[in-house]
């Protein structure tokens, strides 16, 4: 499985459900060892520990600005 692509900007009416799904997909990819997902998470989170849902959520939030 490859890491979900970063889309850059939020739509006019962002769905919290969709953002939660994006974070869970990113977490799953990172835990499966996807290098792209690990690079994305590593940009914003401390990679000295196992990737957590909070790390994935932080990454999604920071990528959207």
Protein backbone atom coordinates (compact mmCIF):
# COMPACT_ATOMS: atom_id res chain seq x y z
CA UNK A 1 0.00 0.00 0.00
CA UNK A 2 1.36 3.43 -0.81
CA UNK A 3 0.96 6.55 1.25
CA UNK A 4 -2.06 8.71 0.40
CA UNK A 5 -1.07 11.76 -1.61
CA UNK A 6 -0.92 15.16 0.00
CA UNK A 7 -3.54 17.42 -1.58
CA UNK A 8 -2.28 20.82 -0.39
CA UNK A 9 -5.37 22.79 0.57
CA UNK A 10 -8.61 22.08 2.35
CA UNK A 11 -11.89 22.22 0.45
CA UNK A 12 -14.34 25.02 1.35
CA UNK A 13 -16.28 22.72 3.72
CA UNK A 14 -13.78 20.14 5.00
CA UNK A 15 -15.17 16.94 6.46
CA UNK A 16 -13.77 15.92 9.84
CA UNK A 17 -14.63 12.33 8.94
CA UNK A 18 -12.49 12.55 5.80
CA UNK A 19 -9.57 14.08 7.72
CA UNK A 20 -9.76 11.27 10.29
CA UNK A 21 -9.72 8.73 7.47
CA UNK A 22 -6.68 10.39 5.90
CA UNK A 23 -4.81 10.20 9.21
CA UNK A 24 -5.71 6.54 9.69
CA UNK A 25 -4.60 5.70 6.14
CA UNK A 26 -1.31 7.53 6.68
CA UNK A 27 -0.79 5.67 9.96
CA UNK A 28 -1.47 2.32 8.32
CA UNK A 29 0.98 3.07 5.50
CA UNK A 30 3.66 4.19 7.95
CA UNK A 31 3.23 1.10 10.11
CA UNK A 32 3.56 -1.08 7.00
CA UNK A 33 6.93 0.54 6.36
CA UNK A 34 5.98 2.73 3.40
CA UNK A 35 8.99 5.02 3.01
CA UNK A 36 6.94 7.91 1.63
CA UNK A 37 4.55 7.79 4.59
CA UNK A 38 7.44 7.54 7.04
CA UNK A 39 9.13 10.54 5.41
CA UNK A 40 5.92 12.56 5.65
CA UNK A 41 5.41 11.74 9.32
CA UNK A 42 9.10 12.20 10.09
CA UNK A 43 8.94 15.75 8.80
CA UNK A 44 6.68 16.78 11.69
CA UNK A 45 6.87 14.08 14.36
CA UNK A 46 9.58 12.53 16.51
CA UNK A 47 10.59 9.31 14.77
CA UNK A 48 12.40 7.87 17.79
CA UNK A 49 9.25 5.95 18.68
CA UNK A 50 6.63 3.95 16.81
CA UNK A 51 4.33 6.11 14.69
CA UNK A 52 1.07 6.88 16.48
CA UNK A 53 -2.30 8.13 15.32
CA UNK A 54 -1.45 11.48 16.92
CA UNK A 55 1.69 11.66 14.74
CA UNK A 56 -0.39 10.99 11.62
CA UNK A 57 -2.98 13.58 12.65
CA UNK A 58 -0.25 16.15 13.28
CA UNK A 59 1.22 15.44 9.85
CA UNK A 60 -2.13 15.88 8.10
CA UNK A 61 -2.80 19.12 9.99
CA UNK A 62 0.63 20.57 9.28
CA UNK A 63 0.49 19.62 5.60
CA UNK A 64 -2.76 21.52 5.24
CA UNK A 65 -1.23 24.47 7.07
